[in-house]
Amino acid sequence: MTQPPIPATGPLTGLKVLDMSRVLAGPSATQILGDLGADVVKVERPGQGDDTRAWGPPFLKDDAGQDTRESAYYLSANRNKRSLSLDFTNPTGKALALQLIGHADVVVENYKTGTLGRYGLGYEDLRDAFPRLIYCSITGFGHAGPYAARAGYDYLVQGMGGFMSLTGEPEGQPLKAGVAIADLMTGTYAVIAILAALRHRDHTGRGQAIDLSLFDTQVAWLSHPGQYYLTSGHLAPRVGNAHPTIVPYQTFATSDGWIILAIGNDEQFARFCHLTGNAAWASDPRYATNQARVGNRDSLVPAIAAVIQGQSSQFWIDALEPLGVPCGPINSIDKVFADPQVAARGMRVTLPHPQAGGTGAPGAGLPGTVELIGSPMKFSDTPVNYRQAPPTLGQHTDAVLQDWLRLDEEEIRHLRHTGAL
């Protein structure tokens, strides 16, 4: 039985977003907009859909324990959307896309520079006909500059944008992050930019184009290490799990694993010293201040490491937390999702899914459901809610065309006959 739609409760309820993006940067942005209550329609190529649907294993399992077409990668970024299958390279499909754009507040796309323009769907093609439209374009390198025509990939951008030069052990190879940070940060900036453009439209009635690139975002996200260079002319050192300007602020081996010790000020350091029976360190001029500790890390860090290694991880966490000395575990992902704080904050959610058999990850919940990572945004009056699992390809084509364009069943059958859907 088809369940009635769950009404949105978030602060963007009523906003219409046409999501012409795929992979991660764009979909992560539109998932946030969907969590905030927007009606997000994901436009997908018939028969193929978002590239990431095939990026597995793992895939969601059906009732028979067999792989579906829904990869974990795709599931991570497409909650609270409806899927519309549409071929805008088809003349009828293009006309339909223009009608949908006419009903949208926001369009998000992440095709290579110039691609949508070839089909009359670029911002310059639309701005006069749809003056209130917010058109957010996400590319690898932006719409200007010598790299504008290049395709952009998160991994390459982490390298080109300087992030990998900062990540890894001092004598080891440069490392990328374990999560696609350039994509996800670009998606986050996209949401901020879209909300700012909507605010501007509220005052002026005018929409505008937003030009976001992975490369620009990665450069902006260099933050204080980037400013280190601009201020001093020197490159920030690669320090592995340590910190270039705070000591001790790094991982330490315990008797049974690893912990993070993140002492941020001299008072915390003094409390740590007293606990460990090394009160003299706190008054030693080599270590009494953070500036001194940074300059003398080569002697201090090995001494601390020897102390930490003498007890278990849990001993240090239990001993230091009551003293207000920052210390914590390095959790594997299974331990993250078993953490009571994750449960208390609603960061693990379960939604019905038409293809799910409930035979996926351990603890995956009831049959017919999929488990997803929750939203970190908590509102007192307009809460995020979870209305729609990541949709199957074209799952909502008819419903969207009926809702947005008021087409009837015969008109939709004709569109399918033309190959537009």
Protein backbone atom coordinates (compact mmCIF):
# COMPACT_ATOMS: atom_id res chain seq x y z
CA MET A 1 0.00 0.00 0.00
CA THR A 2 1.31 3.44 -0.91
CA GLN A 3 1.84 5.57 2.17
CA PRO A 4 0.70 9.21 2.10
CA PRO A 5 3.58 11.66 1.79
CA ILE A 6 5.08 12.94 5.02
CA PRO A 7 4.76 16.74 5.18
CA ALA A 8 7.93 18.78 5.49
CA THR A 9 8.56 20.62 8.75
CA GLY A 10 11.85 22.41 8.02
CA PRO A 11 12.40 26.14 7.48
CA LEU A 12 12.58 25.78 3.67
CA THR A 13 9.17 24.12 3.36
CA GLY A 14 7.55 25.28 0.12
CA LEU A 15 10.82 25.92 -1.72
CA LYS A 16 11.15 24.04 -5.02
CA VAL A 17 14.58 22.81 -6.09
CA LEU A 18 15.35 21.20 -9.44
CA ASP A 19 18.44 19.08 -8.82
CA MET A 20 20.30 18.48 -12.09
CA SER A 21 23.44 17.32 -10.31
CA ARG A 22 24.98 13.93 -9.70
CA VAL A 23 27.84 12.19 -7.86
CA LEU A 24 28.50 14.03 -4.54
CA ALA A 25 29.08 17.80 -4.39
CA GLY A 26 25.71 18.77 -5.88
CA PRO A 27 23.68 15.93 -4.35
CA SER A 28 25.12 16.62 -0.89
CA ALA A 29 23.97 20.23 -1.22
CA THR A 30 20.47 19.32 -2.35
CA GLN A 31 20.16 16.70 0.37
CA ILE A 32 20.75 19.45 2.93
CA LEU A 33 18.11 21.60 1.21
CA GLY A 34 15.73 18.63 1.28
CA ASP A 35 16.42 18.06 4.98
CA LEU A 36 15.55 21.72 5.52
CA GLY A 37 12.13 21.10 3.96
CA ALA A 38 12.58 21.96 0.28
CA ASP A 39 10.81 19.90 -2.37
CA VAL A 40 13.88 18.57 -4.21
CA VAL A 41 13.30 16.90 -7.57
CA LYS A 42 16.32 14.93 -8.73
CA VAL A 43 16.53 14.87 -12.54
CA GLU A 44 18.11 11.63 -13.76
CA ARG A 45 18.88 10.20 -17.17
CA PRO A 46 16.37 7.45 -18.03
CA GLY A 47 17.78 3.95 -17.67
CA GLN A 48 21.05 5.15 -16.13
CA GLY A 49 20.51 7.71 -13.40
CA ASP A 50 23.10 9.18 -11.07
CA ASP A 51 26.57 7.74 -11.72
CA THR A 52 26.93 6.78 -8.07
CA ARG A 53 24.06 4.28 -8.23
CA ALA A 54 26.67 1.90 -9.70
CA TRP A 55 29.51 2.84 -7.32
CA GLY A 56 29.62 -0.32 -5.26
CA PRO A 57 29.71 -2.69 -3.58
CA PRO A 58 28.21 -2.47 -1.10
CA PHE A 59 24.66 -2.22 -2.42
CA LEU A 60 21.34 -2.26 -0.60
CA LYS A 61 20.04 -5.84 -0.35
CA ASP A 62 16.54 -6.94 -1.37
CA ASP A 63 14.27 -9.52 0.30
CA ALA A 64 16.28 -12.36 -1.24
CA GLY A 65 19.56 -10.94 0.00
CA GLN A 66 20.58 -9.93 -3.52
CA ASP A 67 22.14 -6.63 -4.51
CA THR A 68 19.76 -3.93 -5.74
CA ARG A 69 20.86 -1.00 -7.92
CA GLU A 70 21.10 1.27 -4.87
CA SER A 71 24.73 1.65 -3.77
CA ALA A 72 25.75 2.81 -0.31
CA TYR A 73 27.52 5.74 -1.98
CA TYR A 74 24.28 6.87 -3.66
CA LEU A 75 22.28 6.36 -0.47
CA SER A 76 24.64 8.69 1.42
CA ALA A 77 23.64 11.86 -0.45
CA ASN A 78 20.10 11.55 -1.81
CA ARG A 79 17.65 11.49 1.09
CA ASN A 80 14.55 13.72 1.04
CA LYS A 81 14.38 13.92 -2.76
CA ARG A 82 12.07 12.69 -5.49
CA SER A 83 13.52 11.13 -8.65
CA LEU A 84 12.30 12.23 -12.08
CA SER A 85 13.66 10.42 -15.13
CA LEU A 86 14.13 12.96 -17.94
CA ASP A 87 16.29 13.14 -21.05
CA PHE A 88 16.87 16.85 -21.65
CA THR A 89 18.91 16.06 -24.79
CA ASN A 90 15.61 14.97 -26.33
CA PRO A 91 13.74 18.02 -27.81
CA THR A 92 10.56 17.11 -25.95
CA GLY A 93 12.59 16.46 -22.80
CA LYS A 94 14.27 19.86 -23.11
CA ALA A 95 10.88 21.57 -23.41
CA LEU A 96 9.73 19.70 -20.33
CA ALA A 97 12.90 20.72 -18.46
CA LEU A 98 12.16 24.36 -19.26
CA GLN A 99 8.65 24.00 -17.89
CA LEU A 100 10.02 22.50 -14.68
CA ILE A 101 12.61 25.28 -14.37
CA GLY A 102 9.75 27.75 -14.68
CA HIS A 103 8.26 26.30 -11.50
CA ALA A 104 11.54 26.04 -9.58
CA ASP A 105 13.01 28.50 -7.12
CA VAL A 106 16.47 26.96 -7.40
CA VAL A 107 18.33 24.92 -10.01
CA VAL A 108 21.50 23.07 -8.97
CA GLU A 109 23.72 21.56 -11.68
CA ASN A 110 27.25 20.22 -11.82
CA TYR A 111 27.94 19.57 -15.49
CA LYS A 112 31.22 20.64 -17.06
CA THR A 113 31.42 24.30 -18.01
CA GLY A 114 29.32 24.93 -21.13
CA THR A 115 27.54 21.57 -21.22
CA LEU A 116 24.04 22.75 -20.34
CA GLY A 117 24.50 25.82 -22.52
CA ARG A 118 24.68 23.54 -25.55
CA TYR A 119 21.11 22.51 -24.80
CA GLY A 120 19.81 25.99 -24.06
CA LEU A 121 19.74 25.27 -20.32
CA GLY A 122 22.64 27.45 -19.13
CA TYR A 123 22.02 30.46 -16.93
CA GLU A 124 22.46 32.94 -19.77
CA ASP A 125 19.74 31.08 -21.68
CA LEU A 126 17.34 31.25 -18.74
CA ARG A 127 17.92 34.51 -16.89
CA ASP A 128 15.54 36.69 -18.94
CA ALA A 129 12.72 34.17 -19.00
CA PHE A 130 13.08 33.31 -15.32
CA PRO A 131 14.36 36.45 -13.55
CA ARG A 132 13.66 35.07 -10.05
CA LEU A 133 15.62 31.86 -10.58
CA ILE A 134 18.59 31.00 -8.36
CA TYR A 135 20.94 28.97 -10.60
CA CYS A 136 23.78 27.25 -8.74
CA SER A 137 26.51 25.76 -10.91
CA ILE A 138 29.14 23.48 -9.36
CA THR A 139 32.22 22.62 -11.42
CA GLY A 140 35.76 21.47 -10.84
CA PHE A 141 37.43 24.82 -11.52
CA GLY A 142 34.70 27.41 -12.10
CA HIS A 143 33.45 29.17 -15.22
CA ALA A 144 36.51 31.38 -15.67
CA GLY A 145 40.26 30.96 -15.63
CA PRO A 146 42.67 28.73 -17.57
CA TYR A 147 41.28 25.51 -16.03
CA ALA A 148 37.59 26.25 -16.64
CA ALA A 149 37.18 23.51 -19.26
CA ARG A 150 38.74 20.80 -17.10
CA ALA A 151 36.75 18.15 -15.33
CA GLY A 152 37.23 18.25 -11.58
CA TYR A 153 37.52 15.35 -9.18
CA ASP A 154 37.74 15.49 -5.41
CA TYR A 155 41.02 13.56 -5.22
CA LEU A 156 42.76 15.77 -7.78
CA VAL A 157 41.50 18.90 -6.10
CA GLN A 158 42.72 17.78 -2.68
CA GLY A 159 46.16 17.53 -4.27
CA MET A 160 46.08 20.65 -6.46
CA GLY A 161 44.51 22.74 -3.70
CA GLY A 162 47.30 22.06 -1.20
CA PHE A 163 45.41 19.89 1.27
CA MET A 164 47.46 16.75 0.65
CA SER A 165 50.72 18.64 1.20
CA LEU A 166 49.55 19.16 4.80
CA THR A 167 48.26 15.64 5.44
CA GLY A 168 50.40 12.66 6.41
CA GLU A 169 53.46 11.94 8.48
CA PRO A 170 56.40 14.37 8.08
CA GLU A 171 58.61 11.83 6.31
CA GLY A 172 55.78 9.91 4.63
CA GLN A 173 53.86 10.43 1.42
CA PRO A 174 51.17 13.11 1.09
CA LEU A 175 47.73 11.71 1.92
CA LYS A 176 44.18 12.50 0.91
CA ALA A 177 41.40 12.60 3.48
CA GLY A 178 39.38 9.43 4.00
CA VAL A 179 36.21 11.33 3.06
CA ALA A 180 35.66 13.34 -0.15
CA ILE A 181 36.13 16.66 1.63
CA ALA A 182 36.42 18.88 -1.46
CA ASP A 183 33.08 17.60 -2.75
CA LEU A 184 31.32 17.84 0.60
CA MET A 185 32.67 21.26 1.51
CA THR A 186 31.67 22.58 -1.92
CA GLY A 187 28.18 21.21 -1.30
CA THR A 188 28.07 22.98 2.05
CA TYR A 189 29.23 26.27 0.52
CA ALA A 190 26.60 25.80 -2.19
CA VAL A 191 23.86 25.66 0.43
CA ILE A 192 25.16 28.80 2.11
CA ALA A 193 25.33 30.62 -1.22
CA ILE A 194 21.83 29.50 -2.22
CA LEU A 195 20.36 30.69 1.08
CA ALA A 196 22.14 34.04 0.69
CA ALA A 197 20.82 34.40 -2.87
CA LEU A 198 17.30 33.61 -1.67
CA ARG A 199 17.64 36.29 0.97
CA HIS A 200 18.69 38.75 -1.74
CA ARG A 201 15.72 37.70 -3.89
CA ASP A 202 13.38 38.29 -0.95
CA HIS A 203 14.50 41.93 -0.93
CA THR A 204 14.87 42.62 -4.64
CA GLY A 205 12.81 40.03 -6.50
CA ARG A 206 15.87 39.12 -8.57
CA GLY A 207 17.52 35.75 -8.84
CA GLN A 208 21.15 35.24 -9.82
CA ALA A 209 23.81 32.75 -10.85
CA ILE A 210 26.15 31.12 -8.35
CA ASP A 211 29.50 29.86 -9.66
CA LEU A 212 31.09 27.40 -7.21
CA SER A 213 34.13 25.26 -7.84
CA LEU A 214 35.78 22.43 -5.97
CA PHE A 215 39.17 24.05 -6.48
CA ASP A 216 38.12 27.43 -5.05
CA THR A 217 36.54 25.69 -2.10
CA GLN A 218 39.66 23.67 -1.37
CA VAL A 219 41.83 26.79 -1.51
CA ALA A 220 39.42 28.63 0.82
CA TRP A 221 39.45 25.64 3.14
CA LEU A 222 43.22 25.83 3.63
CA SER A 223 42.27 28.18 6.46
CA HIS A 224 45.03 28.80 9.02
CA PRO A 225 47.74 26.73 7.25
CA GLY A 226 47.13 28.84 4.16
CA GLN A 227 47.27 31.98 6.23
CA TYR A 228 50.48 30.67 7.83
CA TYR A 229 52.09 30.92 4.39
CA LEU A 230 50.53 34.27 3.44
CA THR A 231 51.64 35.77 6.76
CA SER A 232 55.14 34.33 7.05
CA GLY A 233 56.13 33.29 3.54
CA HIS A 234 56.93 29.85 4.95
CA LEU A 235 55.13 26.58 4.28
CA ALA A 236 53.21 25.06 7.16
CA PRO A 237 54.97 21.81 8.07
CA ARG A 238 53.36 18.42 7.62
CA VAL A 239 53.09 17.08 11.17
CA GLY A 240 50.95 13.96 10.86
CA ASN A 241 48.60 13.68 13.83
CA ALA A 242 50.35 16.45 15.73
CA HIS A 243 49.58 20.19 15.54
CA PRO A 244 52.02 22.77 14.21
CA THR A 245 51.28 25.39 16.86
CA ILE A 246 49.81 23.53 19.87
CA VAL A 247 51.62 20.93 22.05
CA PRO A 248 50.61 18.33 23.19
CA TYR A 249 47.86 18.01 20.63
CA GLN A 250 48.14 14.64 18.88
CA THR A 251 47.64 10.89 19.09
CA PHE A 252 49.44 8.79 21.67
CA ALA A 253 49.76 5.02 21.98
CA THR A 254 48.32 3.51 25.17
CA SER A 255 48.84 0.03 26.54
CA ASP A 256 45.93 -1.28 24.44
CA GLY A 257 45.38 1.17 21.60
CA TRP A 258 45.42 4.89 20.84
CA ILE A 259 43.96 8.08 22.24
CA ILE A 260 43.88 11.71 21.24
CA LEU A 261 45.30 14.15 23.79
CA ALA A 262 44.28 17.68 22.81
CA ILE A 263 45.58 20.09 25.44
CA GLY A 264 44.65 23.58 24.35
CA ASN A 265 45.99 25.82 27.11
CA ASP A 266 48.50 26.02 29.95
CA GLU A 267 45.95 25.33 32.70
CA GLN A 268 44.93 22.07 31.07
CA PHE A 269 48.58 21.14 30.71
CA ALA A 270 49.18 21.77 34.43
CA ARG A 271 46.25 19.54 35.41
CA PHE A 272 47.58 16.81 33.12
CA CYS A 273 51.04 17.08 34.68
CA HIS A 274 49.70 16.80 38.24
CA LEU A 275 47.60 13.75 37.34
CA THR A 276 50.55 11.94 35.80
CA GLY A 277 52.92 12.72 38.69
CA ASN A 278 54.97 15.13 36.60
CA ALA A 279 53.97 18.41 38.22
CA ALA A 280 57.45 19.82 37.58
CA TRP A 281 56.75 19.94 33.86
CA ALA A 282 54.13 22.65 34.43
CA SER A 283 56.69 25.02 35.98
CA ASP A 284 59.64 24.03 33.81
CA PRO A 285 60.41 27.08 31.59
CA ARG A 286 60.83 24.71 28.65
CA TYR A 287 57.20 23.56 28.95
CA ALA A 288 55.26 26.05 31.08
CA THR A 289 53.70 27.88 28.13
CA ASN A 290 52.36 26.60 24.85
CA GLN A 291 54.90 28.67 22.94
CA ALA A 292 57.69 27.03 24.93
CA ARG A 293 56.19 23.57 24.45
CA VAL A 294 56.02 24.06 20.67
CA GLY A 295 59.70 25.01 20.66
CA ASN A 296 60.65 22.03 22.82
CA ARG A 297 58.29 19.38 21.49
CA ASP A 298 61.21 17.07 20.62
CA SER A 299 61.93 16.48 24.30
CA LEU A 300 58.41 16.82 25.74
CA VAL A 301 56.41 14.60 23.38
CA PRO A 302 58.55 11.46 23.92
CA ALA A 303 58.29 11.97 27.69
CA ILE A 304 54.51 12.23 27.50
CA ALA A 305 54.37 9.23 25.16
CA ALA A 306 56.22 7.10 27.72
CA VAL A 307 53.72 8.06 30.43
CA ILE A 308 50.62 7.48 28.27
CA GLN A 309 51.81 4.07 27.15
CA GLY A 310 51.76 2.83 30.71
CA GLN A 311 47.95 2.75 31.00
CA SER A 312 44.94 1.71 28.91
CA SER A 313 42.96 4.03 26.68
CA GLN A 314 39.93 3.85 28.95
CA PHE A 315 42.06 4.70 31.99
CA TRP A 316 43.18 7.95 30.42
CA ILE A 317 39.72 8.89 29.16
CA ASP A 318 38.16 8.22 32.57
CA ALA A 319 40.94 10.05 34.42
CA LEU A 320 41.27 13.13 32.23
CA GLU A 321 37.65 13.90 31.39
CA PRO A 322 36.68 14.91 34.97
CA LEU A 323 39.68 17.26 35.02
CA GLY A 324 38.56 19.03 31.86
CA VAL A 325 41.61 17.83 29.95
CA PRO A 326 40.48 16.99 26.37
CA CYS A 327 41.09 13.32 25.65
CA GLY A 328 39.18 10.86 23.51
CA PRO A 329 39.19 7.58 21.65
CA ILE A 330 39.80 6.96 17.95
CA ASN A 331 36.63 5.09 17.11
CA SER A 332 36.09 2.76 14.19
CA ILE A 333 32.84 3.52 12.37
CA ASP A 334 30.95 0.65 14.01
CA LYS A 335 31.80 2.14 17.40
CA VAL A 336 30.64 5.56 16.21
CA PHE A 337 27.18 4.27 15.39
CA ALA A 338 27.02 2.29 18.64
CA ASP A 339 27.87 5.40 20.67
CA PRO A 340 25.00 6.50 22.96
CA GLN A 341 25.62 10.12 22.02
CA VAL A 342 24.92 9.28 18.37
CA ALA A 343 21.63 7.70 19.39
CA ALA A 344 20.71 10.57 21.69
CA ARG A 345 21.31 13.12 18.92
CA GLY A 346 19.34 11.22 16.27
CA MET A 347 22.34 10.76 13.99
CA ARG A 348 21.26 7.29 12.87
CA VAL A 349 17.85 7.19 11.18
CA THR A 350 15.68 4.51 9.58
CA LEU A 351 13.40 5.05 6.58
CA PRO A 352 11.17 2.76 4.50
CA HIS A 353 12.65 1.78 1.14
CA PRO A 354 10.75 -0.06 -1.61
CA GLN A 355 13.67 -2.34 -2.51
CA ALA A 356 15.19 -2.97 0.92
CA GLY A 357 15.08 -6.42 2.46
CA GLY A 358 16.61 -5.49 5.81
CA THR A 359 19.55 -7.81 5.20
CA GLY A 360 22.29 -5.25 4.77
CA ALA A 361 24.67 -3.96 7.44
CA PRO A 362 24.58 -5.44 10.95
CA GLY A 363 21.75 -3.91 12.93
CA ALA A 364 20.17 -2.60 9.73
CA GLY A 365 16.73 -2.55 11.28
CA LEU A 366 13.39 -3.88 10.08
CA PRO A 367 12.85 -5.47 6.67
CA GLY A 368 11.85 -2.90 4.09
CA THR A 369 13.94 -0.15 5.63
CA VAL A 370 17.28 1.51 5.05
CA GLU A 371 19.48 3.10 7.70
CA LEU A 372 21.01 6.49 6.97
CA ILE A 373 23.19 9.09 8.64
CA GLY A 374 21.09 11.84 10.18
CA SER A 375 21.31 15.59 9.81
CA PRO A 376 23.38 17.59 12.34
CA MET A 377 20.98 20.56 12.15
CA LYS A 378 18.69 20.94 15.16
CA PHE A 379 15.95 23.60 15.14
CA SER A 380 13.65 24.54 18.00
CA ASP A 381 10.67 25.57 15.83
CA THR A 382 11.19 24.14 12.32
CA PRO A 383 12.86 20.77 12.78
CA VAL A 384 14.48 18.73 10.07
CA ASN A 385 12.42 15.63 9.29
CA TYR A 386 13.05 12.53 7.22
CA ARG A 387 10.31 12.15 4.61
CA GLN A 388 11.83 10.14 1.80
CA ALA A 389 14.56 7.53 1.52
CA PRO A 390 16.97 8.03 -1.38
CA PRO A 391 14.65 7.36 -4.34
CA THR A 392 14.91 4.63 -6.91
CA LEU A 393 15.51 5.79 -10.48
CA GLY A 394 12.42 7.59 -11.78
CA GLN A 395 10.39 6.58 -8.75
CA HIS A 396 8.45 9.85 -8.66
CA THR A 397 8.31 10.84 -12.33
CA ASP A 398 4.54 10.76 -12.59
CA ALA A 399 3.97 12.38 -9.20
CA VAL A 400 6.36 15.27 -9.94
CA LEU A 401 4.83 15.98 -13.34
CA GLN A 402 1.39 15.96 -11.78
CA ASP A 403 2.42 18.13 -8.80
CA TRP A 404 4.59 20.69 -10.57
CA LEU A 405 3.08 20.83 -14.08
CA ARG A 406 -0.46 19.48 -13.52
CA LEU A 407 -0.05 16.94 -16.32
CA ASP A 408 -2.58 14.13 -16.56
CA GLU A 409 -1.92 10.44 -17.18
CA GLU A 410 -2.46 10.69 -20.93
CA GLU A 411 0.04 13.54 -21.26
CA ILE A 412 2.60 11.58 -19.25
CA ARG A 413 2.06 8.48 -21.43
CA HIS A 414 2.69 10.62 -24.52
CA LEU A 415 5.95 11.98 -23.03
CA ARG A 416 7.13 8.43 -22.42
CA HIS A 417 6.31 7.54 -26.01
CA THR A 418 8.58 10.40 -27.22
CA GLY A 419 11.51 9.07 -25.20
CA ALA A 420 11.64 12.19 -23.02
CA LEU A 421 11.08 10.19 -19.81
